Structure formats: C-alpha cells, structure tokens
Amino acid sequence: MGLEGTEGLTELQKAIYEYIKSRGRVTGEEVMENFRLSRQDMETNFAILRHCNLVRGYKENGNIYLTIFENGQ
C-alpha cells in the first residue's frame, strides 16, 4: 500500500521490531516474556514483521533467533 519501514504497524509491532533491532538477535521466548505475549500472539506479530521484510528468523547451533532483515540476508 505504499508504506515503508514501520509505517502501518501497530504500536506493539513497532515495539517488538525496536526490541529486536536494539539487541541484534533474540529468541521468540524473549519476545514473549518481554511483551507478555502468548506463543500465538508472538507468532502472529512475527509473521507480520517478516511479511514486511523487517524481521527474519534463522537457526544457529540448534536455537532459533529473530533478527532484523538486512539487505540480502
């Protein structure tokens, strides 16, 4: 719809994005604990952020981390 970056996100989604951005990488459990979210709510918000190419997930040493989406990654 012509929106860029965090435009059009809810305040919660913006806060989650900023939280991940400020830490470099986090686990889903950290997001759930920090924002007091259920797993379903965390996954729903992550899906929106991922769809907007703002956040991505990756696996390292058996752990799944969330990080900001950077050019080409």
PDB file of N, CA and C in Angstrom:
ATOM      1  N   MET A   1       0.820  -1.200   0.000  1.00  0.00           N
ATOM      2  CA  MET A   1       0.000   0.000   0.000  1.00  0.00           C
ATOM      3  C   MET A   1       0.861   1.260   0.000  1.00  0.00           C
ATOM      4  N   GLY A   2       2.111   1.136  -0.405  1.00  0.00           N
ATOM      5  CA  GLY A   2       2.973   2.294  -0.463  1.00  0.00           C
ATOM      6  C   GLY A   2       3.629   2.659   0.854  1.00  0.00           C
ATOM      7  N   LEU A   3       3.445   1.846   1.874  1.00  0.00           N
ATOM      8  CA  LEU A   3       4.055   2.123   3.170  1.00  0.00           C
ATOM      9  C   LEU A   3       5.465   1.558   3.195  1.00  0.00           C
ATOM     10  N   GLU A   4       6.327   2.202   3.959  1.00  0.00           N
ATOM     11  CA  GLU A   4       7.699   1.734   4.069  1.00  0.00           C
ATOM     12  C   GLU A   4       8.097   1.609   5.524  1.00  0.00           C
ATOM     13  N   GLY A   5       9.089   0.755   5.774  1.00  0.00           N
ATOM     14  CA  GLY A   5       9.594   0.594   7.136  1.00  0.00           C
ATOM     15  C   GLY A   5       8.506   0.165   8.089  1.00  0.00           C
ATOM     16  N   THR A   6       8.390   0.878   9.188  1.00  0.00           N
ATOM     17  CA  THR A   6       7.435   0.509  10.226  1.00  0.00           C
ATOM     18  C   THR A   6       6.089   1.227  10.080  1.00  0.00           C
ATOM     19  N   GLU A   7       5.915   1.993   9.007  1.00  0.00           N
ATOM     20  CA  GLU A   7       4.626   2.662   8.777  1.00  0.00           C
ATOM     21  C   GLU A   7       3.528   1.615   8.664  1.00  0.00           C
ATOM     22  N   GLY A   8       2.403   1.860   9.290  1.00  0.00           N
ATOM     23  CA  GLY A   8       1.273   0.952   9.193  1.00  0.00           C
ATOM     24  C   GLY A   8       1.276  -0.166  10.224  1.00  0.00           C
ATOM     25  N   LEU A   9       2.346  -0.288  11.000  1.00  0.00           N
ATOM     26  CA  LEU A   9       2.387  -1.314  12.039  1.00  0.00           C
ATOM     27  C   LEU A   9       1.670  -0.818  13.282  1.00  0.00           C
ATOM     28  N   THR A  10       1.230  -1.758  14.103  1.00  0.00           N
ATOM     29  CA  THR A  10       0.653  -1.389  15.391  1.00  0.00           C
ATOM     30  C   THR A  10       1.779  -0.946  16.318  1.00  0.00           C
ATOM     31  N   GLU A  11       1.424  -0.305  17.408  1.00  0.00           N
ATOM     32  CA  GLU A  11       2.437   0.115  18.380  1.00  0.00           C
ATOM     33  C   GLU A  11       3.195  -1.098  18.931  1.00  0.00           C
ATOM     34  N   LEU A  12       2.492  -2.204  19.154  1.00  0.00           N
ATOM     35  CA  LEU A  12       3.136  -3.420  19.638  1.00  0.00           C
ATOM     36  C   LEU A  12       4.142  -3.938  18.621  1.00  0.00           C
ATOM     37  N   GLN A  13       3.765  -3.981  17.363  1.00  0.00           N
ATOM     38  CA  GLN A  13       4.670  -4.465  16.320  1.00  0.00           C
ATOM     39  C   GLN A  13       5.904  -3.571  16.204  1.00  0.00           C
ATOM     40  N   LYS A  14       5.704  -2.262  16.303  1.00  0.00           N
ATOM     41  CA  LYS A  14       6.845  -1.336  16.282  1.00  0.00           C
ATOM     42  C   LYS A  14       7.755  -1.587  17.479  1.00  0.00           C
ATOM     43  N   ALA A  15       7.167  -1.814  18.640  1.00  0.00           N
ATOM     44  CA  ALA A  15       7.952  -2.050  19.854  1.00  0.00           C
ATOM     45  C   ALA A  15       8.738  -3.354  19.740  1.00  0.00           C
ATOM     46  N   ILE A  16       8.116  -4.396  19.203  1.00  0.00           N
ATOM     47  CA  ILE A  16       8.817  -5.671  19.012  1.00  0.00           C
ATOM     48  C   ILE A  16       9.978  -5.485  18.042  1.00  0.00           C
ATOM     49  N   TYR A  17       9.728  -4.782  16.948  1.00  0.00           N
ATOM     50  CA  TYR A  17      10.783  -4.514  15.963  1.00  0.00           C
ATOM     51  C   TYR A  17      11.953  -3.771  16.615  1.00  0.00           C
ATOM     52  N   GLU A  18      11.662  -2.729  17.361  1.00  0.00           N
ATOM     53  CA  GLU A  18      12.714  -1.942  18.018  1.00  0.00           C
ATOM     54  C   GLU A  18      13.465  -2.774  19.058  1.00  0.00           C
ATOM     55  N   TYR A  19      12.738  -3.642  19.767  1.00  0.00           N
ATOM     56  CA  TYR A  19      13.347  -4.528  20.753  1.00  0.00           C
ATOM     57  C   TYR A  19      14.360  -5.449  20.076  1.00  0.00           C
ATOM     58  N   ILE A  20      13.955  -6.071  18.972  1.00  0.00           N
ATOM     59  CA  ILE A  20      14.846  -6.975  18.243  1.00  0.00           C
ATOM     60  C   ILE A  20      16.029  -6.194  17.677  1.00  0.00           C
ATOM     61  N   LYS A  21      15.747  -5.045  17.095  1.00  0.00           N
ATOM     62  CA  LYS A  21      16.789  -4.215  16.496  1.00  0.00           C
ATOM     63  C   LYS A  21      17.828  -3.794  17.540  1.00  0.00           C
ATOM     64  N   SER A  22      17.385  -3.429  18.722  1.00  0.00           N
ATOM     65  CA  SER A  22      18.298  -2.945  19.757  1.00  0.00           C
ATOM     66  C   SER A  22      19.190  -4.051  20.311  1.00  0.00           C
ATOM     67  N   ARG A  23      18.753  -5.292  20.208  1.00  0.00           N
ATOM     68  CA  ARG A  23      19.526  -6.408  20.758  1.00  0.00           C
ATOM     69  C   ARG A  23      20.288  -7.208  19.707  1.00  0.00           C
ATOM     70  N   GLY A  24      19.995  -6.974  18.462  1.00  0.00           N
ATOM     71  CA  GLY A  24      20.693  -7.692  17.400  1.00  0.00           C
ATOM     72  C   GLY A  24      20.039  -9.016  17.054  1.00  0.00           C
ATOM     73  N   ARG A  25      19.759  -9.812  18.073  1.00  0.00           N
ATOM     74  CA  ARG A  25      19.024 -11.063  17.875  1.00  0.00           C
ATOM     75  C   ARG A  25      18.407 -11.460  19.207  1.00  0.00           C
ATOM     76  N   VAL A  26      17.247 -12.090  19.119  1.00  0.00           N
ATOM     77  CA  VAL A  26      16.538 -12.556  20.317  1.00  0.00           C
ATOM     78  C   VAL A  26      15.837 -13.862  19.972  1.00  0.00           C
ATOM     79  N   THR A  27      15.401 -14.558  20.988  1.00  0.00           N
ATOM     80  CA  THR A  27      14.583 -15.752  20.761  1.00  0.00           C
ATOM     81  C   THR A  27      13.107 -15.357  20.855  1.00  0.00           C
ATOM     82  N   GLY A  28      12.255 -16.205  20.346  1.00  0.00           N
ATOM     83  CA  GLY A  28      10.823 -15.979  20.483  1.00  0.00           C
ATOM     84  C   GLY A  28      10.406 -15.942  21.939  1.00  0.00           C
ATOM     85  N   GLU A  29      11.064 -16.754  22.757  1.00  0.00           N
ATOM     86  CA  GLU A  29      10.748 -16.790  24.183  1.00  0.00           C
ATOM     87  C   GLU A  29      11.054 -15.447  24.852  1.00  0.00           C
ATOM     88  N   GLU A  30      12.143 -14.807  24.425  1.00  0.00           N
ATOM     89  CA  GLU A  30      12.478 -13.493  24.971  1.00  0.00           C
ATOM     90  C   GLU A  30      11.402 -12.467  24.607  1.00  0.00           C
ATOM     91  N   VAL A  31      10.923 -12.524  23.376  1.00  0.00           N
ATOM     92  CA  VAL A  31       9.861 -11.606  22.942  1.00  0.00           C
ATOM     93  C   VAL A  31       8.592 -11.866  23.754  1.00  0.00           C
ATOM     94  N   MET A  32       8.236 -13.137  23.913  1.00  0.00           N
ATOM     95  CA  MET A  32       7.024 -13.479  24.669  1.00  0.00           C
ATOM     96  C   MET A  32       7.129 -12.986  26.106  1.00  0.00           C
ATOM     97  N   GLU A  33       8.295 -13.179  26.719  1.00  0.00           N
ATOM     98  CA  GLU A  33       8.475 -12.774  28.109  1.00  0.00           C
ATOM     99  C   GLU A  33       8.470 -11.252  28.253  1.00  0.00           C
ATOM    100  N   ASN A  34       9.210 -10.571  27.388  1.00  0.00           N
ATOM    101  CA  ASN A  34       9.334  -9.118  27.490  1.00  0.00           C
ATOM    102  C   ASN A  34       8.002  -8.403  27.256  1.00  0.00           C
ATOM    103  N   PHE A  35       7.196  -8.923  26.315  1.00  0.00           N
ATOM    104  CA  PHE A  35       5.939  -8.262  25.964  1.00  0.00           C
ATOM    105  C   PHE A  35       4.719  -8.976  26.542  1.00  0.00           C
ATOM    106  N   ARG A  36       4.976 -10.013  27.338  1.00  0.00           N
ATOM    107  CA  ARG A  36       3.903 -10.794  27.962  1.00  0.00           C
ATOM    108  C   ARG A  36       2.886 -11.275  26.914  1.00  0.00           C
ATOM    109  N   LEU A  37       3.412 -11.966  25.913  1.00  0.00           N
ATOM    110  CA  LEU A  37       2.596 -12.474  24.820  1.00  0.00           C
ATOM    111  C   LEU A  37       2.483 -13.991  24.884  1.00  0.00           C
ATOM    112  N   SER A  38       1.370 -14.493  24.396  1.00  0.00           N
ATOM    113  CA  SER A  38       1.247 -15.936  24.198  1.00  0.00           C
ATOM    114  C   SER A  38       2.077 -16.307  22.973  1.00  0.00           C
ATOM    115  N   ARG A  39       2.368 -17.581  22.820  1.00  0.00           N
ATOM    116  CA  ARG A  39       3.109 -18.022  21.631  1.00  0.00           C
ATOM    117  C   ARG A  39       2.347 -17.640  20.365  1.00  0.00           C
ATOM    118  N   GLN A  40       1.043 -17.814  20.364  1.00  0.00           N
ATOM    119  CA  GLN A  40       0.233 -17.469  19.189  1.00  0.00           C
ATOM    120  C   GLN A  40       0.361 -15.986  18.846  1.00  0.00           C
ATOM    121  N   ASP A  41       0.263 -15.114  19.851  1.00  0.00           N
ATOM    122  CA  ASP A  41       0.381 -13.673  19.607  1.00  0.00           C
ATOM    123  C   ASP A  41       1.782 -13.307  19.112  1.00  0.00           C
ATOM    124  N   MET A  42       2.797 -13.934  19.669  1.00  0.00           N
ATOM    125  CA  MET A  42       4.160 -13.669  19.223  1.00  0.00           C
ATOM    126  C   MET A  42       4.324 -14.089  17.770  1.00  0.00           C
ATOM    127  N   GLU A  43       3.838 -15.279  17.435  1.00  0.00           N
ATOM    128  CA  GLU A  43       3.978 -15.786  16.065  1.00  0.00           C
ATOM    129  C   GLU A  43       3.195 -14.949  15.065  1.00  0.00           C
ATOM    130  N   THR A  44       2.020 -14.482  15.452  1.00  0.00           N
ATOM    131  CA  THR A  44       1.212 -13.635  14.567  1.00  0.00           C
ATOM    132  C   THR A  44       1.939 -12.328  14.269  1.00  0.00           C
ATOM    133  N   ASN A  45       2.468 -11.695  15.312  1.00  0.00           N
ATOM    134  CA  ASN A  45       3.179 -10.432  15.119  1.00  0.00           C
ATOM    135  C   ASN A  45       4.482 -10.632  14.362  1.00  0.00           C
ATOM    136  N   PHE A  46       5.191 -11.737  14.625  1.00  0.00           N
ATOM    137  CA  PHE A  46       6.405 -12.035  13.877  1.00  0.00           C
ATOM    138  C   PHE A  46       6.092 -12.230  12.399  1.00  0.00           C
ATOM    139  N   ALA A  47       4.989 -12.913  12.094  1.00  0.00           N
ATOM    140  CA  ALA A  47       4.614 -13.152  10.698  1.00  0.00           C
ATOM    141  C   ALA A  47       4.387 -11.831   9.956  1.00  0.00           C
ATOM    142  N   ILE A  48       3.778 -10.883  10.628  1.00  0.00           N
ATOM    143  CA  ILE A  48       3.543  -9.577  10.003  1.00  0.00           C
ATOM    144  C   ILE A  48       4.868  -8.862   9.767  1.00  0.00           C
ATOM    145  N   LEU A  49       5.739  -8.866  10.764  1.00  0.00           N
ATOM    146  CA  LEU A  49       7.046  -8.223  10.616  1.00  0.00           C
ATOM    147  C   LEU A  49       7.883  -8.903   9.534  1.00  0.00           C
ATOM    148  N   ARG A  50       7.781 -10.209   9.450  1.00  0.00           N
ATOM    149  CA  ARG A  50       8.507 -10.949   8.412  1.00  0.00           C
ATOM    150  C   ARG A  50       7.941 -10.607   7.034  1.00  0.00           C
ATOM    151  N   HIS A  51       6.620 -10.543   6.925  1.00  0.00           N
ATOM    152  CA  HIS A  51       5.969 -10.209   5.658  1.00  0.00           C
ATOM    153  C   HIS A  51       6.388  -8.819   5.175  1.00  0.00           C
ATOM    154  N   CYS A  52       6.638  -7.923   6.103  1.00  0.00           N
ATOM    155  CA  CYS A  52       7.072  -6.558   5.765  1.00  0.00           C
ATOM    156  C   CYS A  52       8.578  -6.471   5.536  1.00  0.00           C
ATOM    157  N   ASN A  53       9.262  -7.625   5.535  1.00  0.00           N
ATOM    158  CA  ASN A  53      10.718  -7.683   5.360  1.00  0.00           C
ATOM    159  C   ASN A  53      11.471  -6.857   6.396  1.00  0.00           C
ATOM    160  N   LEU A  54      10.959  -6.855   7.628  1.00  0.00           N
ATOM    161  CA  LEU A  54      11.612  -6.141   8.715  1.00  0.00           C
ATOM    162  C   LEU A  54      12.380  -7.089   9.639  1.00  0.00           C
ATOM    163  N   VAL A  55      11.852  -8.282   9.845  1.00  0.00           N
ATOM    164  CA  VAL A  55      12.429  -9.246  10.779  1.00  0.00           C
ATOM    165  C   VAL A  55      12.480 -10.608  10.106  1.00  0.00           C
ATOM    166  N   ARG A  56      13.500 -11.367  10.442  1.00  0.00           N
ATOM    167  CA  ARG A  56      13.607 -12.724   9.908  1.00  0.00           C
ATOM    168  C   ARG A  56      14.043 -13.651  11.027  1.00  0.00           C
ATOM    169  N   GLY A  57      13.860 -14.923  10.820  1.00  0.00           N
ATOM    170  CA  GLY A  57      14.306 -15.922  11.767  1.00  0.00           C
ATOM    171  C   GLY A  57      15.413 -16.754  11.150  1.00  0.00           C
ATOM    172  N   TYR A  58      16.306 -17.244  11.982  1.00  0.00           N
ATOM    173  CA  TYR A  58      17.346 -18.146  11.496  1.00  0.00           C
ATOM    174  C   TYR A  58      17.749 -19.087  12.623  1.00  0.00           C
ATOM    175  N   LYS A  59      18.302 -20.212  12.212  1.00  0.00           N
ATOM    176  CA  LYS A  59      18.699 -21.236  13.177  1.00  0.00           C
ATOM    177  C   LYS A  59      20.218 -21.243  13.294  1.00  0.00           C
ATOM    178  N   GLU A  60      20.690 -21.286  14.550  1.00  0.00           N
ATOM    179  CA  GLU A  60      22.121 -21.344  14.806  1.00  0.00           C
ATOM    180  C   GLU A  60      22.360 -22.235  16.020  1.00  0.00           C
ATOM    181  N   ASN A  61      23.185 -23.237  15.847  1.00  0.00           N
ATOM    182  CA  ASN A  61      23.513 -24.167  16.936  1.00  0.00           C
ATOM    183  C   ASN A  61      22.266 -24.735  17.617  1.00  0.00           C
ATOM    184  N   GLY A  62      21.259 -25.043  16.820  1.00  0.00           N
ATOM    185  CA  GLY A  62      20.047 -25.647  17.346  1.00  0.00           C
ATOM    186  C   GLY A  62      19.048 -24.679  17.956  1.00  0.00           C
ATOM    187  N   ASN A  63      19.380 -23.392  17.980  1.00  0.00           N
ATOM    188  CA  ASN A  63      18.467 -22.376  18.515  1.00  0.00           C
ATOM    189  C   ASN A  63      17.915 -21.534  17.372  1.00  0.00           C
ATOM    190  N   ILE A  64      16.675 -21.079  17.521  1.00  0.00           N
ATOM    191  CA  ILE A  64      16.059 -20.207  16.529  1.00  0.00           C
ATOM    192  C   ILE A  64      16.090 -18.785  17.067  1.00  0.00           C
ATOM    193  N   TYR A  65      16.650 -17.888  16.260  1.00  0.00           N
ATOM    194  CA  TYR A  65      16.765 -16.483  16.637  1.00  0.00           C
ATOM    195  C   TYR A  65      15.975 -15.606  15.673  1.00  0.00           C
ATOM    196  N   LEU A  66      15.532 -14.476  16.179  1.00  0.00           N
ATOM    197  CA  LEU A  66      14.879 -13.455  15.378  1.00  0.00           C
ATOM    198  C   LEU A  66      15.841 -12.285  15.288  1.00  0.00           C
ATOM    199  N   THR A  67      15.964 -11.702  14.115  1.00  0.00           N
ATOM    200  CA  THR A  67      16.847 -10.565  13.907  1.00  0.00           C
ATOM    201  C   THR A  67      16.238  -9.664  12.851  1.00  0.00           C
ATOM    202  N   ILE A  68      16.775  -8.461  12.705  1.00  0.00           N
ATOM    203  CA  ILE A  68      16.227  -7.570  11.684  1.00  0.00           C
ATOM    204  C   ILE A  68      16.668  -8.063  10.314  1.00  0.00           C
ATOM    205  N   PHE A  69      15.852  -7.778   9.334  1.00  0.00           N
ATOM    206  CA  PHE A  69      16.119  -8.179   7.969  1.00  0.00           C
ATOM    207  C   PHE A  69      17.021  -7.115   7.348  1.00  0.00           C
ATOM    208  N   GLU A  70      18.217  -7.511   6.945  1.00  0.00           N
ATOM    209  CA  GLU A  70      19.142  -6.571   6.325  1.00  0.00           C
ATOM    210  C   GLU A  70      19.312  -6.925   4.866  1.00  0.00           C
ATOM    211  N   ASN A  71      19.784  -6.011   4.083  1.00  0.00           N
ATOM    212  CA  ASN A  71      19.933  -6.185   2.633  1.00  0.00           C
ATOM    213  C   ASN A  71      20.568  -7.529   2.280  1.00  0.00           C
ATOM    214  N   GLY A  72      19.815  -8.326   1.528  1.00  0.00           N
ATOM    215  CA  GLY A  72      20.312  -9.576   1.009  1.00  0.00           C
ATOM    216  C   GLY A  72      20.389 -10.731   1.992  1.00  0.00           C
ATOM    217  N   GLN A  73      19.947 -10.552   3.208  1.00  0.00           N
ATOM    218  CA  GLN A  73      20.041 -11.653   4.186  1.00  0.00           C
ATOM    219  C   GLN A  73      18.705 -12.267   4.429  1.00  0.00           C
TER     220      GLN A  73
END
